[in-house]
Amino acid sequence: LDLLLRVKAEEDGSLAFRYSCGQGVCGSDALTIN
Protein backbone atom coordinates (compact mmCIF):
# COMPACT_ATOMS: atom_id res chain seq x y z
CA LEU A 1 0.00 0.00 0.00
CA ASP A 2 2.87 2.41 0.74
CA LEU A 3 4.27 1.78 -2.75
CA LEU A 4 0.89 2.46 -4.37
CA LEU A 5 0.51 5.68 -2.40
CA ARG A 6 3.98 6.81 -3.49
CA VAL A 7 3.24 6.13 -7.14
CA LYS A 8 0.00 8.09 -6.89
CA ALA A 9 1.64 11.01 -5.04
CA GLU A 10 4.92 11.21 -6.93
CA GLU A 11 4.54 9.64 -10.37
CA ASP A 12 0.94 9.36 -11.59
CA GLY A 13 -1.95 10.95 -9.73
CA SER A 14 -4.47 9.21 -11.99
CA LEU A 15 -3.77 5.78 -10.47
CA ALA A 16 -7.00 4.53 -8.88
CA PHE A 17 -7.27 2.09 -5.98
CA ARG A 18 -9.26 1.70 -2.79
CA TYR A 19 -7.92 1.99 0.73
CA SER A 20 -9.07 3.38 4.05
CA CYS A 21 -7.76 2.39 7.48
CA GLY A 22 -4.41 0.95 6.38
CA GLN A 23 -4.51 -1.43 9.36
CA GLY A 24 -6.06 -4.61 7.94
CA VAL A 25 -9.50 -3.85 9.37
CA CYS A 26 -11.57 -2.17 6.64
CA GLY A 27 -10.80 -4.72 3.92
CA SER A 28 -11.03 -2.16 1.13
CA ASP A 29 -7.51 -2.67 -0.29
CA ALA A 30 -7.75 -6.37 -1.17
CA LEU A 31 -5.80 -6.96 -4.39
CA THR A 32 -4.12 -9.75 -6.30
CA ILE A 33 -0.43 -9.36 -5.45
CA ASN A 34 2.02 -11.68 -7.19
All heavy atoms as atom14 arrays in JSON, in Angstrom:
{
  "sequence": "LDLLLRVKAEEDGSLAFRYSCGQGVCGSDALTIN",
  "atom14_mask": [
    [1, 1, 1, 1, 1, 1, 1, 1, 0, 0, 0, 0, 0, 0],
    [1, 1, 1, 1, 1, 1, 1, 1, 0, 0, 0, 0, 0, 0],
    [1, 1, 1, 1, 1, 1, 1, 1, 0, 0, 0, 0, 0, 0],
    [1, 1, 1, 1, 1, 1, 1, 1, 0, 0, 0, 0, 0, 0],
    [1, 1, 1, 1, 1, 1, 1, 1, 0, 0, 0, 0, 0, 0],
    [1, 1, 1, 1, 1, 1, 1, 1, 1, 1, 1, 0, 0, 0],
    [1, 1, 1, 1, 1, 1, 1, 0, 0, 0, 0, 0, 0, 0],
    [1, 1, 1, 1, 1, 1, 1, 1, 1, 0, 0, 0, 0, 0],
    [1, 1, 1, 1, 1, 0, 0, 0, 0, 0, 0, 0, 0, 0],
    [1, 1, 1, 1, 1, 1, 1, 1, 1, 0, 0, 0, 0, 0],
    [1, 1, 1, 1, 1, 1, 1, 1, 1, 0, 0, 0, 0, 0],
    [1, 1, 1, 1, 1, 1, 1, 1, 0, 0, 0, 0, 0, 0],
    [1, 1, 1, 1, 0, 0, 0, 0, 0, 0, 0, 0, 0, 0],
    [1, 1, 1, 1, 1, 1, 0, 0, 0, 0, 0, 0, 0, 0],
    [1, 1, 1, 1, 1, 1, 1, 1, 0, 0, 0, 0, 0, 0],
    [1, 1, 1, 1, 1, 0, 0, 0, 0, 0, 0, 0, 0, 0],
    [1, 1, 1, 1, 1, 1, 1, 1, 1, 1, 1, 0, 0, 0],
    [1, 1, 1, 1, 1, 1, 1, 1, 1, 1, 1, 0, 0, 0],
    [1, 1, 1, 1, 1, 1, 1, 1, 1, 1, 1, 1, 0, 0],
    [1, 1, 1, 1, 1, 1, 0, 0, 0, 0, 0, 0, 0, 0],
    [1, 1, 1, 1, 1, 1, 0, 0, 0, 0, 0, 0, 0, 0],
    [1, 1, 1, 1, 0, 0, 0, 0, 0, 0, 0, 0, 0, 0],
    [1, 1, 1, 1, 1, 1, 1, 1, 1, 0, 0, 0, 0, 0],
    [1, 1, 1, 1, 0, 0, 0, 0, 0, 0, 0, 0, 0, 0],
    [1, 1, 1, 1, 1, 1, 1, 0, 0, 0, 0, 0, 0, 0],
    [1, 1, 1, 1, 1, 1, 0, 0, 0, 0, 0, 0, 0, 0],
    [1, 1, 1, 1, 0, 0, 0, 0, 0, 0, 0, 0, 0, 0],
    [1, 1, 1, 1, 1, 1, 0, 0, 0, 0, 0, 0, 0, 0],
    [1, 1, 1, 1, 1, 1, 1, 1, 0, 0, 0, 0, 0, 0],
    [1, 1, 1, 1, 1, 0, 0, 0, 0, 0, 0, 0, 0, 0],
    [1, 1, 1, 1, 1, 1, 1, 1, 0, 0, 0, 0, 0, 0],
    [1, 1, 1, 1, 1, 1, 1, 0, 0, 0, 0, 0, 0, 0],
    [1, 1, 1, 1, 1, 1, 1, 1, 0, 0, 0, 0, 0, 0],
    [1, 1, 1, 1, 1, 1, 1, 1, 0, 0, 0, 0, 0, 0]
  ],
  "atom14_positions": [
    [[0.83, -1.21, 0.0], [0.0, 0.0, 0.0], [0.86, 1.26, 0.0], [0.53, 2.24, -0.68], [-0.93, 0.01, 1.22], [-1.82, 1.25, 1.38], [-2.75, 1.43, 0.17], [-2.64, 1.17, 2.67], [0.0, 0.0, 0.0], [0.0, 0.0, 0.0], [0.0, 0.0, 0.0], [0.0, 0.0, 0.0], [0.0, 0.0, 0.0], [0.0, 0.0, 0.0]],
    [[1.97, 1.25, 0.73], [2.87, 2.41, 0.74], [3.42, 2.68, -0.67], [3.54, 3.83, -1.09], [4.04, 2.18, 1.7], [3.57, 2.07, 3.14], [2.64, 2.8, 3.52], [4.14, 1.24, 3.88], [0.0, 0.0, 0.0], [0.0, 0.0, 0.0], [0.0, 0.0, 0.0], [0.0, 0.0, 0.0], [0.0, 0.0, 0.0], [0.0, 0.0, 0.0]],
    [[3.75, 1.61, -1.39], [4.27, 1.78, -2.75], [3.2, 2.4, -3.66], [3.49, 3.29, -4.46], [4.72, 0.43, -3.31], [5.8, -0.32, -2.53], [6.24, -1.55, -3.32], [7.01, 0.56, -2.23], [0.0, 0.0, 0.0], [0.0, 0.0, 0.0], [0.0, 0.0, 0.0], [0.0, 0.0, 0.0], [0.0, 0.0, 0.0], [0.0, 0.0, 0.0]],
    [[1.98, 1.92, -3.55], [0.89, 2.46, -4.37], [0.66, 3.95, -4.05], [0.45, 4.76, -4.97], [-0.39, 1.67, -4.14], [-0.38, 0.2, -4.59], [-1.66, -0.5, -4.16], [-0.19, 0.09, -6.1], [0.0, 0.0, 0.0], [0.0, 0.0, 0.0], [0.0, 0.0, 0.0], [0.0, 0.0, 0.0], [0.0, 0.0, 0.0], [0.0, 0.0, 0.0]],
    [[0.71, 4.28, -2.79], [0.51, 5.68, -2.4], [1.64, 6.56, -2.93], [1.4, 7.7, -3.35], [0.43, 5.79, -0.88], [-0.85, 5.21, -0.24], [-0.69, 5.13, 1.28], [-2.06, 6.07, -0.6], [0.0, 0.0, 0.0], [0.0, 0.0, 0.0], [0.0, 0.0, 0.0], [0.0, 0.0, 0.0], [0.0, 0.0, 0.0], [0.0, 0.0, 0.0]],
    [[2.85, 6.04, -2.95], [3.98, 6.81, -3.49], [3.86, 7.02, -4.99], [4.14, 8.1, -5.51], [5.3, 6.11, -3.15], [5.71, 6.32, -1.69], [6.91, 5.49, -1.31], [8.04, 5.71, -2.23], [9.13, 4.95, -2.24], [9.22, 3.91, -1.42], [10.1, 5.2, -3.07], [0.0, 0.0, 0.0], [0.0, 0.0, 0.0], [0.0, 0.0, 0.0]],
    [[3.43, 5.98, -5.7], [3.24, 6.13, -7.14], [2.17, 7.18, -7.42], [2.34, 8.05, -8.29], [2.84, 4.78, -7.77], [2.37, 4.97, -9.21], [4.03, 3.81, -7.74], [0.0, 0.0, 0.0], [0.0, 0.0, 0.0], [0.0, 0.0, 0.0], [0.0, 0.0, 0.0], [0.0, 0.0, 0.0], [0.0, 0.0, 0.0], [0.0, 0.0, 0.0]],
    [[1.09, 7.13, -6.68], [0.0, 8.09, -6.89], [0.43, 9.52, -6.54], [0.07, 10.48, -7.23], [-1.22, 7.7, -6.05], [-2.45, 8.57, -6.31], [-3.67, 8.03, -5.6], [-4.9, 8.9, -5.88], [-5.32, 8.83, -7.29], [0.0, 0.0, 0.0], [0.0, 0.0, 0.0], [0.0, 0.0, 0.0], [0.0, 0.0, 0.0], [0.0, 0.0, 0.0]],
    [[1.24, 9.68, -5.5], [1.64, 11.01, -5.04], [2.79, 11.59, -5.86], [2.85, 12.8, -6.08], [2.04, 10.96, -3.58], [0.0, 0.0, 0.0], [0.0, 0.0, 0.0], [0.0, 0.0, 0.0], [0.0, 0.0, 0.0], [0.0, 0.0, 0.0], [0.0, 0.0, 0.0], [0.0, 0.0, 0.0], [0.0, 0.0, 0.0], [0.0, 0.0, 0.0]],
    [[3.69, 10.72, -6.34], [4.92, 11.21, -6.93], [5.05, 10.96, -8.43], [5.83, 11.65, -9.1], [6.12, 10.56, -6.22], [6.16, 10.86, -4.72], [7.22, 10.04, -4.0], [8.0, 9.33, -4.7], [7.26, 10.08, -2.75], [0.0, 0.0, 0.0], [0.0, 0.0, 0.0], [0.0, 0.0, 0.0], [0.0, 0.0, 0.0], [0.0, 0.0, 0.0]],
    [[4.32, 9.98, -8.97], [4.54, 9.64, -10.37], [3.31, 9.75, -11.25], [3.4, 10.2, -12.39], [5.12, 8.21, -10.47], [6.42, 8.05, -9.69], [7.29, 6.97, -10.26], [7.23, 6.73, -11.49], [8.04, 6.35, -9.48], [0.0, 0.0, 0.0], [0.0, 0.0, 0.0], [0.0, 0.0, 0.0], [0.0, 0.0, 0.0], [0.0, 0.0, 0.0]],
    [[2.15, 9.32, -10.75], [0.94, 9.36, -11.59], [-0.28, 9.49, -10.7], [-0.75, 8.51, -10.12], [0.85, 8.09, -12.44], [-0.25, 8.18, -13.49], [-1.13, 9.05, -13.36], [-0.24, 7.37, -14.43], [0.0, 0.0, 0.0], [0.0, 0.0, 0.0], [0.0, 0.0, 0.0], [0.0, 0.0, 0.0], [0.0, 0.0, 0.0], [0.0, 0.0, 0.0]],
    [[-0.8, 10.69, -10.59], [-1.95, 10.95, -9.73], [-3.24, 10.33, -10.23], [-4.24, 10.33, -9.5], [0.0, 0.0, 0.0], [0.0, 0.0, 0.0], [0.0, 0.0, 0.0], [0.0, 0.0, 0.0], [0.0, 0.0, 0.0], [0.0, 0.0, 0.0], [0.0, 0.0, 0.0], [0.0, 0.0, 0.0], [0.0, 0.0, 0.0], [0.0, 0.0, 0.0]],
    [[-3.24, 9.81, -11.46], [-4.47, 9.21, -11.99], [-4.65, 7.76, -11.56], [-5.7, 7.17, -11.82], [-4.47, 9.28, -13.52], [-3.48, 8.41, -14.07], [0.0, 0.0, 0.0], [0.0, 0.0, 0.0], [0.0, 0.0, 0.0], [0.0, 0.0, 0.0], [0.0, 0.0, 0.0], [0.0, 0.0, 0.0], [0.0, 0.0, 0.0], [0.0, 0.0, 0.0]],
    [[-3.65, 7.17, -10.92], [-3.77, 5.78, -10.47], [-4.92, 5.66, -9.47], [-5.01, 6.41, -8.51], [-2.46, 5.33, -9.81], [-2.47, 3.91, -9.21], [-2.68, 2.87, -10.29], [-1.17, 3.65, -8.44], [0.0, 0.0, 0.0], [0.0, 0.0, 0.0], [0.0, 0.0, 0.0], [0.0, 0.0, 0.0], [0.0, 0.0, 0.0], [0.0, 0.0, 0.0]],
    [[-5.81, 4.69, -9.71], [-7.0, 4.53, -8.88], [-6.95, 3.21, -8.12], [-6.72, 2.16, -8.71], [-8.26, 4.59, -9.74], [0.0, 0.0, 0.0], [0.0, 0.0, 0.0], [0.0, 0.0, 0.0], [0.0, 0.0, 0.0], [0.0, 0.0, 0.0], [0.0, 0.0, 0.0], [0.0, 0.0, 0.0], [0.0, 0.0, 0.0], [0.0, 0.0, 0.0]],
    [[-7.16, 3.28, -6.82], [-7.27, 2.09, -5.98], [-8.0, 2.47, -4.7], [-8.1, 3.64, -4.36], [-5.89, 1.49, -5.65], [-4.94, 2.47, -5.0], [-4.83, 2.56, -3.61], [-4.13, 3.3, -5.77], [-3.94, 3.45, -3.02], [-3.25, 4.19, -5.19], [-3.15, 4.27, -3.8], [0.0, 0.0, 0.0], [0.0, 0.0, 0.0], [0.0, 0.0, 0.0]],
    [[-8.53, 1.46, -4.03], [-9.26, 1.7, -2.79], [-8.37, 1.44, -1.58], [-7.58, 0.5, -1.57], [-10.5, 0.79, -2.7], [-11.61, 1.12, -3.68], [-12.85, 0.28, -3.36], [-13.98, 0.62, -4.22], [-14.49, -0.18, -5.15], [-13.95, -1.36, -5.35], [-15.51, 0.2, -5.89], [0.0, 0.0, 0.0], [0.0, 0.0, 0.0], [0.0, 0.0, 0.0]],
    [[-8.54, 2.25, -0.57], [-7.92, 1.99, 0.73], [-8.61, 2.88, 1.75], [-9.26, 3.86, 1.39], [-6.42, 2.26, 0.7], [-6.04, 3.73, 0.67], [-5.64, 4.38, 1.83], [-6.08, 4.45, -0.52], [-5.31, 5.73, 1.8], [-5.74, 5.79, -0.56], [-5.35, 6.42, 0.6], [-5.02, 7.76, 0.58], [0.0, 0.0, 0.0], [0.0, 0.0, 0.0]],
    [[-8.46, 2.53, 3.02], [-9.07, 3.38, 4.05], [-8.22, 3.35, 5.31], [-7.37, 4.21, 5.51], [-10.5, 2.93, 4.36], [-11.11, 3.79, 5.29], [0.0, 0.0, 0.0], [0.0, 0.0, 0.0], [0.0, 0.0, 0.0], [0.0, 0.0, 0.0], [0.0, 0.0, 0.0], [0.0, 0.0, 0.0], [0.0, 0.0, 0.0], [0.0, 0.0, 0.0]],
    [[-8.4, 2.34, 6.16], [-7.76, 2.39, 7.48], [-6.26, 2.11, 7.41], [-5.49, 2.6, 8.24], [-8.44, 1.4, 8.43], [-8.06, -0.33, 8.11], [0.0, 0.0, 0.0], [0.0, 0.0, 0.0], [0.0, 0.0, 0.0], [0.0, 0.0, 0.0], [0.0, 0.0, 0.0], [0.0, 0.0, 0.0], [0.0, 0.0, 0.0], [0.0, 0.0, 0.0]],
    [[-5.82, 1.3, 6.46], [-4.41, 0.95, 6.38], [-3.94, 0.02, 7.48], [-2.74, -0.16, 7.67], [0.0, 0.0, 0.0], [0.0, 0.0, 0.0], [0.0, 0.0, 0.0], [0.0, 0.0, 0.0], [0.0, 0.0, 0.0], [0.0, 0.0, 0.0], [0.0, 0.0, 0.0], [0.0, 0.0, 0.0], [0.0, 0.0, 0.0], [0.0, 0.0, 0.0]],
    [[-4.87, -0.59, 8.21], [-4.51, -1.43, 9.36], [-5.08, -2.85, 9.27], [-5.14, -3.56, 10.26], [-5.0, -0.77, 10.65], [-4.46, 0.62, 10.89], [-2.96, 0.64, 11.09], [-2.4, -0.27, 11.71], [-2.29, 1.65, 10.57], [0.0, 0.0, 0.0], [0.0, 0.0, 0.0], [0.0, 0.0, 0.0], [0.0, 0.0, 0.0], [0.0, 0.0, 0.0]],
    [[-5.54, -3.26, 8.09], [-6.06, -4.61, 7.94], [-7.42, -4.82, 8.58], [-7.77, -5.95, 8.93], [0.0, 0.0, 0.0], [0.0, 0.0, 0.0], [0.0, 0.0, 0.0], [0.0, 0.0, 0.0], [0.0, 0.0, 0.0], [0.0, 0.0, 0.0], [0.0, 0.0, 0.0], [0.0, 0.0, 0.0], [0.0, 0.0, 0.0], [0.0, 0.0, 0.0]],
    [[-8.2, -3.75, 8.73], [-9.5, -3.85, 9.37], [-10.64, -3.55, 8.4], [-11.67, -4.22, 8.42], [-9.59, -2.91, 10.59], [-10.98, -2.95, 11.21], [-8.53, -3.27, 11.62], [0.0, 0.0, 0.0], [0.0, 0.0, 0.0], [0.0, 0.0, 0.0], [0.0, 0.0, 0.0], [0.0, 0.0, 0.0], [0.0, 0.0, 0.0], [0.0, 0.0, 0.0]],
    [[-10.47, -2.57, 7.53], [-11.57, -2.17, 6.64], [-11.76, -3.12, 5.47], [-12.86, -3.26, 4.94], [-11.35, -0.75, 6.14], [-10.0, -0.58, 4.95], [0.0, 0.0, 0.0], [0.0, 0.0, 0.0], [0.0, 0.0, 0.0], [0.0, 0.0, 0.0], [0.0, 0.0, 0.0], [0.0, 0.0, 0.0], [0.0, 0.0, 0.0], [0.0, 0.0, 0.0]],
    [[-10.7, -3.77, 5.01], [-10.8, -4.72, 3.92], [-10.9, -4.13, 2.53], [-11.07, -4.85, 1.55], [0.0, 0.0, 0.0], [0.0, 0.0, 0.0], [0.0, 0.0, 0.0], [0.0, 0.0, 0.0], [0.0, 0.0, 0.0], [0.0, 0.0, 0.0], [0.0, 0.0, 0.0], [0.0, 0.0, 0.0], [0.0, 0.0, 0.0], [0.0, 0.0, 0.0]],
    [[-10.78, -2.8, 2.42], [-11.03, -2.16, 1.13], [-9.87, -2.29, 0.15], [-10.05, -2.06, -1.05], [-11.37, -0.68, 1.33], [-10.31, -0.01, 1.99], [0.0, 0.0, 0.0], [0.0, 0.0, 0.0], [0.0, 0.0, 0.0], [0.0, 0.0, 0.0], [0.0, 0.0, 0.0], [0.0, 0.0, 0.0], [0.0, 0.0, 0.0], [0.0, 0.0, 0.0]],
    [[-8.67, -2.63, 0.62], [-7.51, -2.67, -0.29], [-7.09, -4.09, -0.65], [-5.92, -4.36, -0.87], [-6.33, -1.9, 0.31], [-5.81, -2.54, 1.59], [-6.53, -3.34, 2.2], [-4.67, -2.22, 1.99], [0.0, 0.0, 0.0], [0.0, 0.0, 0.0], [0.0, 0.0, 0.0], [0.0, 0.0, 0.0], [0.0, 0.0, 0.0], [0.0, 0.0, 0.0]],
    [[-8.06, -5.01, -0.72], [-7.75, -6.37, -1.17], [-7.41, -6.35, -2.66], [-8.15, -5.79, -3.47], [-8.93, -7.3, -0.92], [0.0, 0.0, 0.0], [0.0, 0.0, 0.0], [0.0, 0.0, 0.0], [0.0, 0.0, 0.0], [0.0, 0.0, 0.0], [0.0, 0.0, 0.0], [0.0, 0.0, 0.0], [0.0, 0.0, 0.0], [0.0, 0.0, 0.0]],
    [[-6.29, -6.95, -3.01], [-5.8, -6.96, -4.39], [-5.15, -8.31, -4.67], [-4.87, -9.08, -3.75], [-4.77, -5.85, -4.61], [-5.24, -4.41, -4.4], [-4.06, -3.45, -4.32], [-6.18, -3.99, -5.52], [0.0, 0.0, 0.0], [0.0, 0.0, 0.0], [0.0, 0.0, 0.0], [0.0, 0.0, 0.0], [0.0, 0.0, 0.0], [0.0, 0.0, 0.0]],
    [[-4.91, -8.58, -5.94], [-4.12, -9.75, -6.3], [-2.67, -9.3, -6.42], [-2.32, -8.51, -7.3], [-4.61, -10.35, -7.63], [-5.98, -10.71, -7.49], [-3.81, -11.58, -7.99], [0.0, 0.0, 0.0], [0.0, 0.0, 0.0], [0.0, 0.0, 0.0], [0.0, 0.0, 0.0], [0.0, 0.0, 0.0], [0.0, 0.0, 0.0], [0.0, 0.0, 0.0]],
    [[-1.84, -9.77, -5.52], [-0.43, -9.36, -5.45], [0.43, -10.59, -5.7], [0.35, -11.58, -4.96], [-0.11, -8.73, -4.08], [-1.02, -7.52, -3.83], [1.36, -8.33, -4.0], [-0.91, -6.95, -2.43], [0.0, 0.0, 0.0], [0.0, 0.0, 0.0], [0.0, 0.0, 0.0], [0.0, 0.0, 0.0], [0.0, 0.0, 0.0], [0.0, 0.0, 0.0]],
    [[1.2, -10.54, -6.77], [2.02, -11.68, -7.19], [1.19, -12.96, -7.27], [1.59, -14.03, -6.83], [3.2, -11.87, -6.24], [4.28, -10.82, -6.45], [4.11, -9.89, -7.22], [5.41, -10.96, -5.76], [0.0, 0.0, 0.0], [0.0, 0.0, 0.0], [0.0, 0.0, 0.0], [0.0, 0.0, 0.0], [0.0, 0.0, 0.0], [0.0, 0.0, 0.0]]
  ]
}
